[in-house]
Full PDB file with SEQRES, HELIX, SHEET, SSBOND, CRYST1, ORIGX, SCALE, CONECT and MASTER records, all heavy atoms in Angstrom:
SEQRES   1 A   42  LEU THR LYS THR GLN SER GLN THR GLN MET ALA MET TRP          
SEQRES   2 A   42  ALA MET TRP SER SER PRO LEU TYR MET SER ASN ASP LEU          
SEQRES   3 A   42  SER ASN LEU ASP GLU GLU SER LYS LYS ILE LEU GLN ASN          
SEQRES   4 A   42  LYS LYS VAL                                                  
HELIX    1 AA1 LYS A    3  MET A   15  1                                  13    
HELIX    2 AA2 LEU A   26  ASN A   28  5                                   3    
HELIX    3 AA3 GLU A   31  LEU A   37  1                                   7    
CRYST1    1.000    1.000    1.000  90.00  90.00  90.00 P 1           1          
ORIGX1      1.000000  0.000000  0.000000        0.00000                         
ORIGX2      0.000000  1.000000  0.000000        0.00000                         
ORIGX3      0.000000  0.000000  1.000000        0.00000                         
SCALE1      1.000000  0.000000  0.000000        0.00000                         
SCALE2      0.000000  1.000000  0.000000        0.00000                         
SCALE3      0.000000  0.000000  1.000000        0.00000                         
ATOM      1  N   LEU A   1      65.141  -8.078 137.834  1.00  0.00           N  
ATOM      2  CA  LEU A   1      64.995  -6.937 136.941  1.00  0.00           C  
ATOM      3  C   LEU A   1      64.664  -7.383 135.529  1.00  0.00           C  
ATOM      4  O   LEU A   1      65.194  -8.386 135.048  1.00  0.00           O  
ATOM      5  CB  LEU A   1      66.279  -6.093 136.909  1.00  0.00           C  
ATOM      6  CG  LEU A   1      66.817  -5.573 138.239  1.00  0.00           C  
ATOM      7  CD1 LEU A   1      68.067  -4.733 137.997  1.00  0.00           C  
ATOM      8  CD2 LEU A   1      65.774  -4.760 138.998  1.00  0.00           C  
ATOM      9  N   THR A   2      63.793  -6.623 134.875  1.00  0.00           N  
ATOM     10  CA  THR A   2      63.549  -6.856 133.457  1.00  0.00           C  
ATOM     11  C   THR A   2      64.734  -6.333 132.649  1.00  0.00           C  
ATOM     12  O   THR A   2      65.639  -5.677 133.179  1.00  0.00           O  
ATOM     13  CB  THR A   2      62.281  -6.132 133.000  1.00  0.00           C  
ATOM     14  OG1 THR A   2      62.503  -4.713 133.090  1.00  0.00           O  
ATOM     15  CG2 THR A   2      61.078  -6.506 133.848  1.00  0.00           C  
ATOM     16  N   LYS A   3      64.703  -6.605 131.351  1.00  0.00           N  
ATOM     17  CA  LYS A   3      65.756  -6.095 130.475  1.00  0.00           C  
ATOM     18  C   LYS A   3      65.844  -4.578 130.570  1.00  0.00           C  
ATOM     19  O   LYS A   3      66.937  -4.009 130.712  1.00  0.00           O  
ATOM     20  CB  LYS A   3      65.486  -6.521 129.035  1.00  0.00           C  
ATOM     21  CG  LYS A   3      66.328  -5.781 128.010  1.00  0.00           C  
ATOM     22  CD  LYS A   3      65.835  -6.021 126.597  1.00  0.00           C  
ATOM     23  CE  LYS A   3      66.483  -5.049 125.608  1.00  0.00           C  
ATOM     24  NZ  LYS A   3      65.963  -5.223 124.237  1.00  0.00           N  
ATOM     25  N   THR A   4      64.701  -3.900 130.470  1.00  0.00           N  
ATOM     26  CA  THR A   4      64.735  -2.433 130.470  1.00  0.00           C  
ATOM     27  C   THR A   4      65.142  -1.894 131.838  1.00  0.00           C  
ATOM     28  O   THR A   4      65.834  -0.880 131.921  1.00  0.00           O  
ATOM     29  CB  THR A   4      63.373  -1.865 130.056  1.00  0.00           C  
ATOM     30  OG1 THR A   4      62.343  -2.420 130.874  1.00  0.00           O  
ATOM     31  CG2 THR A   4      63.071  -2.177 128.604  1.00  0.00           C  
ATOM     32  N   GLN A   5      64.727  -2.558 132.916  1.00  0.00           N  
ATOM     33  CA  GLN A   5      65.141  -2.122 134.247  1.00  0.00           C  
ATOM     34  C   GLN A   5      66.631  -2.354 134.459  1.00  0.00           C  
ATOM     35  O   GLN A   5      67.295  -1.579 135.157  1.00  0.00           O  
ATOM     36  CB  GLN A   5      64.308  -2.843 135.308  1.00  0.00           C  
ATOM     37  CG  GLN A   5      62.849  -2.404 135.318  1.00  0.00           C  
ATOM     38  CD  GLN A   5      61.952  -3.346 136.089  1.00  0.00           C  
ATOM     39  OE1 GLN A   5      62.380  -4.410 136.552  1.00  0.00           O  
ATOM     40  NE2 GLN A   5      60.689  -2.975 136.247  1.00  0.00           N  
ATOM     41  N   SER A   6      67.170  -3.398 133.853  1.00  0.00           N  
ATOM     42  CA  SER A   6      68.617  -3.629 133.910  1.00  0.00           C  
ATOM     43  C   SER A   6      69.360  -2.510 133.193  1.00  0.00           C  
ATOM     44  O   SER A   6      70.403  -2.032 133.666  1.00  0.00           O  
ATOM     45  CB  SER A   6      68.955  -4.981 133.275  1.00  0.00           C  
ATOM     46  OG  SER A   6      68.430  -6.051 134.035  1.00  0.00           O  
ATOM     47  N   GLN A   7      68.846  -2.095 132.050  1.00  0.00           N  
ATOM     48  CA  GLN A   7      69.436  -0.954 131.356  1.00  0.00           C  
ATOM     49  C   GLN A   7      69.398   0.291 132.230  1.00  0.00           C  
ATOM     50  O   GLN A   7      70.361   1.073 132.259  1.00  0.00           O  
ATOM     51  CB  GLN A   7      68.684  -0.688 130.051  1.00  0.00           C  
ATOM     52  CG  GLN A   7      68.912  -1.716 128.969  1.00  0.00           C  
ATOM     53  CD  GLN A   7      68.101  -1.428 127.727  1.00  0.00           C  
ATOM     54  OE1 GLN A   7      67.065  -0.767 127.776  1.00  0.00           O  
ATOM     55  NE2 GLN A   7      68.574  -1.919 126.589  1.00  0.00           N  
ATOM     56  N   THR A   8      68.311   0.446 132.972  1.00  0.00           N  
ATOM     57  CA  THR A   8      68.180   1.619 133.832  1.00  0.00           C  
ATOM     58  C   THR A   8      69.215   1.612 134.939  1.00  0.00           C  
ATOM     59  O   THR A   8      69.841   2.639 135.224  1.00  0.00           O  
ATOM     60  CB  THR A   8      66.764   1.684 134.429  1.00  0.00           C  
ATOM     61  OG1 THR A   8      65.823   1.866 133.373  1.00  0.00           O  
ATOM     62  CG2 THR A   8      66.632   2.828 135.418  1.00  0.00           C  
ATOM     63  N   GLN A   9      69.421   0.459 135.592  1.00  0.00           N  
ATOM     64  CA  GLN A   9      70.454   0.428 136.625  1.00  0.00           C  
ATOM     65  C   GLN A   9      71.816   0.758 136.039  1.00  0.00           C  
ATOM     66  O   GLN A   9      72.575   1.559 136.608  1.00  0.00           O  
ATOM     67  CB  GLN A   9      70.515  -0.921 137.343  1.00  0.00           C  
ATOM     68  CG  GLN A   9      71.447  -0.820 138.558  1.00  0.00           C  
ATOM     69  CD  GLN A   9      71.765  -2.123 139.228  1.00  0.00           C  
ATOM     70  OE1 GLN A   9      71.637  -3.209 138.647  1.00  0.00           O  
ATOM     71  NE2 GLN A   9      72.211  -2.051 140.479  1.00  0.00           N  
ATOM     72  N   MET A  10      72.144   0.175 134.896  1.00  0.00           N  
ATOM     73  CA  MET A  10      73.438   0.448 134.262  1.00  0.00           C  
ATOM     74  C   MET A  10      73.559   1.928 133.919  1.00  0.00           C  
ATOM     75  O   MET A  10      74.613   2.549 134.147  1.00  0.00           O  
ATOM     76  CB  MET A  10      73.574  -0.405 133.004  1.00  0.00           C  
ATOM     77  CG  MET A  10      74.946  -0.342 132.357  1.00  0.00           C  
ATOM     78  SD  MET A  10      76.204  -1.198 133.317  1.00  0.00           S  
ATOM     79  CE  MET A  10      77.642  -0.963 132.272  1.00  0.00           C  
ATOM     80  N   ALA A  11      72.493   2.499 133.387  1.00  0.00           N  
ATOM     81  CA  ALA A  11      72.515   3.914 132.999  1.00  0.00           C  
ATOM     82  C   ALA A  11      72.717   4.821 134.202  1.00  0.00           C  
ATOM     83  O   ALA A  11      73.563   5.724 134.182  1.00  0.00           O  
ATOM     84  CB  ALA A  11      71.223   4.277 132.272  1.00  0.00           C  
ATOM     85  N   MET A  12      71.962   4.587 135.271  1.00  0.00           N  
ATOM     86  CA  MET A  12      72.038   5.496 136.416  1.00  0.00           C  
ATOM     87  C   MET A  12      73.382   5.375 137.130  1.00  0.00           C  
ATOM     88  O   MET A  12      73.952   6.374 137.561  1.00  0.00           O  
ATOM     89  CB  MET A  12      70.881   5.220 137.383  1.00  0.00           C  
ATOM     90  CG  MET A  12      69.503   5.522 136.795  1.00  0.00           C  
ATOM     91  SD  MET A  12      69.369   7.137 135.992  1.00  0.00           S  
ATOM     92  CE  MET A  12      69.874   8.233 137.315  1.00  0.00           C  
ATOM     93  N   TRP A  13      73.880   4.151 137.267  1.00  0.00           N  
ATOM     94  CA  TRP A  13      75.197   3.987 137.913  1.00  0.00           C  
ATOM     95  C   TRP A  13      76.286   4.689 137.080  1.00  0.00           C  
ATOM     96  O   TRP A  13      77.202   5.288 137.623  1.00  0.00           O  
ATOM     97  CB  TRP A  13      75.506   2.515 138.085  1.00  0.00           C  
ATOM     98  CG  TRP A  13      75.084   1.873 139.380  1.00  0.00           C  
ATOM     99  CD1 TRP A  13      75.891   1.148 140.199  1.00  0.00           C  
ATOM    100  CD2 TRP A  13      73.788   1.864 140.009  1.00  0.00           C  
ATOM    101  NE1 TRP A  13      75.179   0.670 141.289  1.00  0.00           N  
ATOM    102  CE2 TRP A  13      73.887   1.105 141.197  1.00  0.00           C  
ATOM    103  CE3 TRP A  13      72.548   2.424 139.689  1.00  0.00           C  
ATOM    104  CZ2 TRP A  13      72.806   0.897 142.058  1.00  0.00           C  
ATOM    105  CZ3 TRP A  13      71.465   2.213 140.532  1.00  0.00           C  
ATOM    106  CH2 TRP A  13      71.593   1.466 141.698  1.00  0.00           C  
ATOM    107  N   ALA A  14      76.131   4.635 135.754  1.00  0.00           N  
ATOM    108  CA  ALA A  14      77.080   5.333 134.886  1.00  0.00           C  
ATOM    109  C   ALA A  14      76.925   6.844 135.014  1.00  0.00           C  
ATOM    110  O   ALA A  14      77.922   7.583 135.037  1.00  0.00           O  
ATOM    111  CB  ALA A  14      76.891   4.903 133.436  1.00  0.00           C  
ATOM    112  N   MET A  15      75.707   7.320 135.098  1.00  0.00           N  
ATOM    113  CA  MET A  15      75.460   8.752 135.220  1.00  0.00           C  
ATOM    114  C   MET A  15      76.061   9.322 136.502  1.00  0.00           C  
ATOM    115  O   MET A  15      76.543  10.448 136.536  1.00  0.00           O  
ATOM    116  CB  MET A  15      73.962   9.035 135.169  1.00  0.00           C  
ATOM    117  CG  MET A  15      73.302   8.776 133.822  1.00  0.00           C  
ATOM    118  SD  MET A  15      73.803   9.951 132.538  1.00  0.00           S  
ATOM    119  CE  MET A  15      72.921  11.425 133.060  1.00  0.00           C  
ATOM    120  N   TRP A  16      76.036   8.535 137.565  1.00  0.00           N  
ATOM    121  CA  TRP A  16      76.581   9.000 138.843  1.00  0.00           C  
ATOM    122  C   TRP A  16      78.094   8.814 138.947  1.00  0.00           C  
ATOM    123  O   TRP A  16      78.679   9.142 139.991  1.00  0.00           O  
ATOM    124  CB  TRP A  16      75.928   8.233 139.998  1.00  0.00           C  
ATOM    125  CG  TRP A  16      74.456   8.456 140.146  1.00  0.00           C  
ATOM    126  CD1 TRP A  16      73.764   9.606 139.899  1.00  0.00           C  
ATOM    127  CD2 TRP A  16      73.485   7.498 140.584  1.00  0.00           C  
ATOM    128  NE1 TRP A  16      72.424   9.415 140.152  1.00  0.00           N  
ATOM    129  CE2 TRP A  16      72.223   8.143 140.571  1.00  0.00           C  
ATOM    130  CE3 TRP A  16      73.556   6.165 140.978  1.00  0.00           C  
ATOM    131  CZ2 TRP A  16      71.049   7.491 140.945  1.00  0.00           C  
ATOM    132  CZ3 TRP A  16      72.400   5.517 141.353  1.00  0.00           C  
ATOM    133  CH2 TRP A  16      71.160   6.174 141.342  1.00  0.00           C  
ATOM    134  N   SER A  17      78.742   8.258 137.944  1.00  0.00           N  
ATOM    135  CA  SER A  17      80.161   7.883 138.043  1.00  0.00           C  
ATOM    136  C   SER A  17      80.386   6.938 139.215  1.00  0.00           C  
ATOM    137  O   SER A  17      81.354   7.045 139.970  1.00  0.00           O  
ATOM    138  CB  SER A  17      81.046   9.130 138.201  1.00  0.00           C  
ATOM    139  OG  SER A  17      80.918   9.993 137.100  1.00  0.00           O  
ATOM    140  N   SER A  18      79.486   5.981 139.363  1.00  0.00           N  
ATOM    141  CA  SER A  18      79.560   5.036 140.472  1.00  0.00           C  
ATOM    142  C   SER A  18      80.502   3.880 140.152  1.00  0.00           C  
ATOM    143  O   SER A  18      80.684   3.530 138.982  1.00  0.00           O  
ATOM    144  CB  SER A  18      78.173   4.449 140.757  1.00  0.00           C  
ATOM    145  OG  SER A  18      77.252   5.450 141.094  1.00  0.00           O  
ATOM    146  N   PRO A  19      81.062   3.244 141.179  1.00  0.00           N  
ATOM    147  CA  PRO A  19      81.764   1.987 140.946  1.00  0.00           C  
ATOM    148  C   PRO A  19      80.826   0.985 140.271  1.00  0.00           C  
ATOM    149  O   PRO A  19      79.640   0.912 140.603  1.00  0.00           O  
ATOM    150  CB  PRO A  19      82.148   1.533 142.361  1.00  0.00           C  
ATOM    151  CG  PRO A  19      82.243   2.818 143.141  1.00  0.00           C  
ATOM    152  CD  PRO A  19      81.150   3.686 142.584  1.00  0.00           C  
ATOM    153  N   LEU A  20      81.344   0.214 139.339  1.00  0.00           N  
ATOM    154  CA  LEU A  20      80.559  -0.795 138.629  1.00  0.00           C  
ATOM    155  C   LEU A  20      81.051  -2.180 139.041  1.00  0.00           C  
ATOM    156  O   LEU A  20      81.967  -2.734 138.437  1.00  0.00           O  
ATOM    157  CB  LEU A  20      80.680  -0.620 137.109  1.00  0.00           C  
ATOM    158  CG  LEU A  20      80.207   0.714 136.522  1.00  0.00           C  
ATOM    159  CD1 LEU A  20      80.376   0.714 135.003  1.00  0.00           C  
ATOM    160  CD2 LEU A  20      78.756   1.005 136.907  1.00  0.00           C  
ATOM    161  N   TYR A  21      80.453  -2.703 140.106  1.00  0.00           N  
ATOM    162  CA  TYR A  21      80.771  -4.046 140.567  1.00  0.00           C  
ATOM    163  C   TYR A  21      79.580  -4.953 140.291  1.00  0.00           C  
ATOM    164  O   TYR A  21      78.529  -4.829 140.925  1.00  0.00           O  
ATOM    165  CB  TYR A  21      81.081  -4.062 142.061  1.00  0.00           C  
ATOM    166  CG  TYR A  21      82.466  -3.574 142.417  1.00  0.00           C  
ATOM    167  CD1 TYR A  21      82.670  -2.331 143.027  1.00  0.00           C  
ATOM    168  CD2 TYR A  21      83.573  -4.367 142.159  1.00  0.00           C  
ATOM    169  CE1 TYR A  21      83.933  -1.897 143.348  1.00  0.00           C  
ATOM    170  CE2 TYR A  21      84.862  -3.939 142.489  1.00  0.00           C  
ATOM    171  CZ  TYR A  21      85.027  -2.693 143.083  1.00  0.00           C  
ATOM    172  OH  TYR A  21      86.287  -2.272 143.400  1.00  0.00           O  
ATOM    173  N   MET A  22      79.722  -5.846 139.336  1.00  0.00           N  
ATOM    174  CA  MET A  22      78.681  -6.831 139.065  1.00  0.00           C  
ATOM    175  C   MET A  22      78.607  -7.822 140.217  1.00  0.00           C  
ATOM    176  O   MET A  22      79.610  -8.136 140.855  1.00  0.00           O  
ATOM    177  CB  MET A  22      78.991  -7.598 137.785  1.00  0.00           C  
ATOM    178  CG  MET A  22      79.210  -6.760 136.561  1.00  0.00           C  
ATOM    179  SD  MET A  22      79.677  -7.775 135.116  1.00  0.00           S  
ATOM    180  CE  MET A  22      81.372  -8.245 135.554  1.00  0.00           C  
ATOM    181  N   SER A  23      77.395  -8.349 140.473  1.00  0.00           N  
ATOM    182  CA  SER A  23      77.238  -9.472 141.383  1.00  0.00           C  
ATOM    183  C   SER A  23      76.238 -10.423 140.741  1.00  0.00           C  
ATOM    184  O   SER A  23      75.026 -10.275 140.898  1.00  0.00           O  
ATOM    185  CB  SER A  23      76.765  -9.021 142.764  1.00  0.00           C  
ATOM    186  OG  SER A  23      76.833 -10.091 143.685  1.00  0.00           O  
ATOM    187  N   ASN A  24      76.751 -11.379 139.978  1.00  0.00           N  
ATOM    188  CA  ASN A  24      75.908 -12.260 139.177  1.00  0.00           C  
ATOM    189  C   ASN A  24      76.671 -13.548 138.896  1.00  0.00           C  
ATOM    190  O   ASN A  24      77.815 -13.717 139.317  1.00  0.00           O  
ATOM    191  CB  ASN A  24      75.495 -11.565 137.867  1.00  0.00           C  
ATOM    192  CG  ASN A  24      76.691 -10.963 137.123  1.00  0.00           C  
ATOM    193  OD1 ASN A  24      77.844 -11.366 137.327  1.00  0.00           O  
ATOM    194  ND2 ASN A  24      76.448  -9.988 136.275  1.00  0.00           N  
ATOM    195  N   ASP A  25      76.004 -14.463 138.191  1.00  0.00           N  
ATOM    196  CA  ASP A  25      76.644 -15.714 137.803  1.00  0.00           C  
ATOM    197  C   ASP A  25      77.176 -15.549 136.386  1.00  0.00           C  
ATOM    198  O   ASP A  25      76.435 -15.703 135.414  1.00  0.00           O  
ATOM    199  CB  ASP A  25      75.633 -16.858 137.881  1.00  0.00           C  
ATOM    200  CG  ASP A  25      76.243 -18.208 137.513  1.00  0.00           C  
ATOM    201  OD1 ASP A  25      77.444 -18.245 137.171  1.00  0.00           O  
ATOM    202  OD2 ASP A  25      75.513 -19.207 137.554  1.00  0.00           O  
ATOM    203  N   LEU A  26      78.435 -15.249 136.270  1.00  0.00           N  
ATOM    204  CA  LEU A  26      79.018 -14.993 134.948  1.00  0.00           C  
ATOM    205  C   LEU A  26      79.031 -16.240 134.071  1.00  0.00           C  
ATOM    206  O   LEU A  26      79.084 -16.126 132.846  1.00  0.00           O  
ATOM    207  CB  LEU A  26      80.446 -14.455 135.103  1.00  0.00           C  
ATOM    208  CG  LEU A  26      80.591 -13.037 135.647  1.00  0.00           C  
ATOM    209  CD1 LEU A  26      82.065 -12.682 135.779  1.00  0.00           C  
ATOM    210  CD2 LEU A  26      79.882 -12.020 134.769  1.00  0.00           C  
ATOM    211  N   SER A  27      78.946 -17.403 134.681  1.00  0.00           N  
ATOM    212  CA  SER A  27      78.976 -18.636 133.887  1.00  0.00           C  
ATOM    213  C   SER A  27      77.634 -18.923 133.220  1.00  0.00           C  
ATOM    214  O   SER A  27      77.557 -19.761 132.313  1.00  0.00           O  
ATOM    215  CB  SER A  27      79.378 -19.826 134.757  1.00  0.00           C  
ATOM    216  OG  SER A  27      78.407 -20.084 135.755  1.00  0.00           O  
ATOM    217  N   ASN A  28      76.573 -18.263 133.671  1.00  0.00           N  
ATOM    218  CA  ASN A  28      75.251 -18.455 133.079  1.00  0.00           C  
ATOM    219  C   ASN A  28      74.604 -17.120 132.719  1.00  0.00           C  
ATOM    220  O   ASN A  28      73.390 -16.958 132.834  1.00  0.00           O  
ATOM    221  CB  ASN A  28      74.340 -19.224 134.045  1.00  0.00           C  
ATOM    222  CG  ASN A  28      74.734 -20.680 134.170  1.00  0.00           C  
ATOM    223  OD1 ASN A  28      74.638 -21.435 133.212  1.00  0.00           O  
ATOM    224  ND2 ASN A  28      75.209 -21.066 135.353  1.00  0.00           N  
ATOM    225  N   LEU A  29      75.408 -16.184 132.287  1.00  0.00           N  
ATOM    226  CA  LEU A  29      74.898 -14.849 131.964  1.00  0.00           C  
ATOM    227  C   LEU A  29      74.267 -14.862 130.578  1.00  0.00           C  
ATOM    228  O   LEU A  29      74.896 -15.280 129.597  1.00  0.00           O  
ATOM    229  CB  LEU A  29      76.052 -13.845 132.015  1.00  0.00           C  
ATOM    230  CG  LEU A  29      75.691 -12.362 131.975  1.00  0.00           C  
ATOM    231  CD1 LEU A  29      74.906 -11.975 133.224  1.00  0.00           C  
ATOM    232  CD2 LEU A  29      76.959 -11.513 131.870  1.00  0.00           C  
ATOM    233  N   ASP A  30      73.015 -14.414 130.498  1.00  0.00           N  
ATOM    234  CA  ASP A  30      72.351 -14.382 129.199  1.00  0.00           C  
ATOM    235  C   ASP A  30      72.949 -13.281 128.329  1.00  0.00           C  
ATOM    236  O   ASP A  30      73.545 -12.311 128.825  1.00  0.00           O  
ATOM    237  CB  ASP A  30      70.842 -14.153 129.375  1.00  0.00           C  
ATOM    238  CG  ASP A  30      70.525 -12.816 129.995  1.00  0.00           C  
ATOM    239  OD1 ASP A  30      70.617 -12.691 131.237  1.00  0.00           O  
ATOM    240  OD2 ASP A  30      70.201 -11.873 129.247  1.00  0.00           O  
ATOM    241  N   GLU A  31      72.791 -13.410 127.037  1.00  0.00           N  
ATOM    242  CA  GLU A  31      73.428 -12.504 126.090  1.00  0.00           C  
ATOM    243  C   GLU A  31      72.931 -11.073 126.235  1.00  0.00           C  
ATOM    244  O   GLU A  31      73.700 -10.122 126.065  1.00  0.00           O  
ATOM    245  CB  GLU A  31      73.217 -12.996 124.656  1.00  0.00           C  
ATOM    246  CG  GLU A  31      74.093 -14.181 124.288  1.00  0.00           C  
ATOM    247  CD  GLU A  31      75.582 -13.894 124.449  1.00  0.00           C  
ATOM    248  OE1 GLU A  31      76.033 -12.818 123.996  1.00  0.00           O  
ATOM    249  OE2 GLU A  31      76.287 -14.737 125.023  1.00  0.00           O  
ATOM    250  N   GLU A  32      71.647 -10.894 126.546  1.00  0.00           N  
ATOM    251  CA  GLU A  32      71.115  -9.538 126.686  1.00  0.00           C  
ATOM    252  C   GLU A  32      71.750  -8.825 127.880  1.00  0.00           C  
ATOM    253  O   GLU A  32      72.115  -7.653 127.808  1.00  0.00           O  
ATOM    254  CB  GLU A  32      69.597  -9.570 126.846  1.00  0.00           C  
ATOM    255  CG  GLU A  32      68.926  -8.217 126.683  1.00  0.00           C  
ATOM    256  CD  GLU A  32      69.211  -7.564 125.340  1.00  0.00           C  
ATOM    257  OE1 GLU A  32      68.895  -8.170 124.301  1.00  0.00           O  
ATOM    258  OE2 GLU A  32      69.761  -6.437 125.343  1.00  0.00           O  
ATOM    259  N   SER A  33      71.900  -9.543 129.002  1.00  0.00           N  
ATOM    260  CA  SER A  33      72.540  -8.950 130.175  1.00  0.00           C  
ATOM    261  C   SER A  33      74.005  -8.639 129.902  1.00  0.00           C  
ATOM    262  O   SER A  33      74.523  -7.590 130.299  1.00  0.00           O  
ATOM    263  CB  SER A  33      72.421  -9.896 131.378  1.00  0.00           C  
ATOM    264  OG  SER A  33      71.075 -10.067 131.761  1.00  0.00           O  
ATOM    265  N   LYS A  34      74.682  -9.563 129.222  1.00  0.00           N  
ATOM    266  CA  LYS A  34      76.081  -9.333 128.867  1.00  0.00           C  
ATOM    267  C   LYS A  34      76.209  -8.091 127.983  1.00  0.00           C  
ATOM    268  O   LYS A  34      77.125  -7.276 128.165  1.00  0.00           O  
ATOM    269  CB  LYS A  34      76.636 -10.560 128.156  1.00  0.00           C  
ATOM    270  CG  LYS A  34      78.105 -10.434 127.764  1.00  0.00           C  
ATOM    271  CD  LYS A  34      78.600 -11.709 127.081  1.00  0.00           C  
ATOM    272  CE  LYS A  34      80.048 -11.563 126.631  1.00  0.00           C  
ATOM    273  NZ  LYS A  34      80.545 -12.787 125.947  1.00  0.00           N  
ATOM    274  N   LYS A  35      75.300  -7.932 127.052  1.00  0.00           N  
ATOM    275  CA  LYS A  35      75.332  -6.768 126.161  1.00  0.00           C  
ATOM    276  C   LYS A  35      75.177  -5.471 126.946  1.00  0.00           C  
ATOM    277  O   LYS A  35      75.853  -4.469 126.667  1.00  0.00           O  
ATOM    278  CB  LYS A  35      74.220  -6.901 125.116  1.00  0.00           C  
ATOM    279  CG  LYS A  35      74.176  -5.769 124.093  1.00  0.00           C  
ATOM    280  CD  LYS A  35      73.063  -6.007 123.084  1.00  0.00           C  
ATOM    281  CE  LYS A  35      72.987  -4.868 122.068  1.00  0.00           C  
ATOM    282  NZ  LYS A  35      71.869  -5.081 121.095  1.00  0.00           N  
ATOM    283  N   ILE A  36      74.297  -5.475 127.937  1.00  0.00           N  
ATOM    284  CA  ILE A  36      74.104  -4.278 128.764  1.00  0.00           C  
ATOM    285  C   ILE A  36      75.371  -3.971 129.561  1.00  0.00           C  
ATOM    286  O   ILE A  36      75.844  -2.835 129.598  1.00  0.00           O  
ATOM    287  CB  ILE A  36      72.900  -4.474 129.706  1.00  0.00           C  
ATOM    288  CG1 ILE A  36      71.595  -4.555 128.906  1.00  0.00           C  
ATOM    289  CG2 ILE A  36      72.817  -3.330 130.726  1.00  0.00           C  
ATOM    290  CD1 ILE A  36      70.399  -5.019 129.713  1.00  0.00           C  
ATOM    291  N   LEU A  37      75.925  -4.986 130.205  1.00  0.00           N  
ATOM    292  CA  LEU A  37      77.101  -4.793 131.050  1.00  0.00           C  
ATOM    293  C   LEU A  37      78.348  -4.423 130.244  1.00  0.00           C  
ATOM    294  O   LEU A  37      79.259  -3.783 130.770  1.00  0.00           O  
ATOM    295  CB  LEU A  37      77.375  -6.065 131.850  1.00  0.00           C  
ATOM    296  CG  LEU A  37      76.356  -6.372 132.953  1.00  0.00           C  
ATOM    297  CD1 LEU A  37      76.461  -7.817 133.390  1.00  0.00           C  
ATOM    298  CD2 LEU A  37      76.548  -5.436 134.135  1.00  0.00           C  
ATOM    299  N   GLN A  38      78.370  -4.811 128.969  1.00  0.00           N  
ATOM    300  CA  GLN A  38      79.535  -4.537 128.132  1.00  0.00           C  
ATOM    301  C   GLN A  38      79.296  -3.397 127.144  1.00  0.00           C  
ATOM    302  O   GLN A  38      80.062  -3.246 126.190  1.00  0.00           O  
ATOM    303  CB  GLN A  38      79.942  -5.809 127.382  1.00  0.00           C  
ATOM    304  CG  GLN A  38      80.449  -6.902 128.294  1.00  0.00           C  
ATOM    305  CD  GLN A  38      81.134  -8.028 127.549  1.00  0.00           C  
ATOM    306  OE1 GLN A  38      81.073  -8.144 126.327  1.00  0.00           O  
ATOM    307  NE2 GLN A  38      81.826  -8.891 128.288  1.00  0.00           N  
ATOM    308  N   ASN A  39      78.299  -2.586 127.403  1.00  0.00           N  
ATOM    309  CA  ASN A  39      78.010  -1.455 126.520  1.00  0.00           C  
ATOM    310  C   ASN A  39      79.134  -0.420 126.638  1.00  0.00           C  
ATOM    311  O   ASN A  39      79.265   0.283 127.640  1.00  0.00           O  
ATOM    312  CB  ASN A  39      76.670  -0.832 126.903  1.00  0.00           C  
ATOM    313  CG  ASN A  39      76.214   0.230 125.935  1.00  0.00           C  
ATOM    314  OD1 ASN A  39      76.966   1.136 125.571  1.00  0.00           O  
ATOM    315  ND2 ASN A  39      74.961   0.152 125.509  1.00  0.00           N  
ATOM    316  N   LYS A  40      79.954  -0.337 125.609  1.00  0.00           N  
ATOM    317  CA  LYS A  40      81.144   0.513 125.662  1.00  0.00           C  
ATOM    318  C   LYS A  40      80.801   1.991 125.810  1.00  0.00           C  
ATOM    319  O   LYS A  40      81.522   2.737 126.486  1.00  0.00           O  
ATOM    320  CB  LYS A  40      81.996   0.299 124.408  1.00  0.00           C  
ATOM    321  CG  LYS A  40      82.613  -1.089 124.303  1.00  0.00           C  
ATOM    322  CD  LYS A  40      83.437  -1.236 123.033  1.00  0.00           C  
ATOM    323  CE  LYS A  40      84.043  -2.627 122.929  1.00  0.00           C  
ATOM    324  NZ  LYS A  40      84.850  -2.791 121.685  1.00  0.00           N  
ATOM    325  N   LYS A  41      79.730   2.420 125.178  1.00  0.00           N  
ATOM    326  CA  LYS A  41      79.375   3.835 125.250  1.00  0.00           C  
ATOM    327  C   LYS A  41      78.909   4.213 126.652  1.00  0.00           C  
ATOM    328  O   LYS A  41      79.232   5.300 127.158  1.00  0.00           O  
ATOM    329  CB  LYS A  41      78.295   4.148 124.218  1.00  0.00           C  
ATOM    330  CG  LYS A  41      78.772   4.061 122.779  1.00  0.00           C  
ATOM    331  CD  LYS A  41      77.654   4.428 121.813  1.00  0.00           C  
ATOM    332  CE  LYS A  41      78.134   4.381 120.369  1.00  0.00           C  
ATOM    333  NZ  LYS A  41      77.052   4.756 119.408  1.00  0.00           N  
ATOM    334  N   VAL A  42      78.150   3.329 127.307  1.00  0.00           N  
ATOM    335  CA  VAL A  42      77.698   3.607 128.677  1.00  0.00           C  
ATOM    336  C   VAL A  42      78.881   3.550 129.634  1.00  0.00           C  
ATOM    337  O   VAL A  42      79.002   4.386 130.543  1.00  0.00           O  
ATOM    338  CB  VAL A  42      76.591   2.623 129.082  1.00  0.00           C  
ATOM    339  CG1 VAL A  42      76.173   2.864 130.531  1.00  0.00           C  
ATOM    340  CG2 VAL A  42      75.380   2.767 128.161  1.00  0.00           C  
TER     341      VAL A  42                                                      
MASTER        0    0    0    3    0    0    0    6  340    1    0    4          
END                                                                             
């Protein structure tokens, strides 16, 4: 996923009140992805 497509997945899962289970390598997570996943407002 691109940065904007990652934002889209986060947005839609939030809109549906879906469970938010990440499946990624947290030890090598880039800052942009971390920012999306930790967006407090979303």
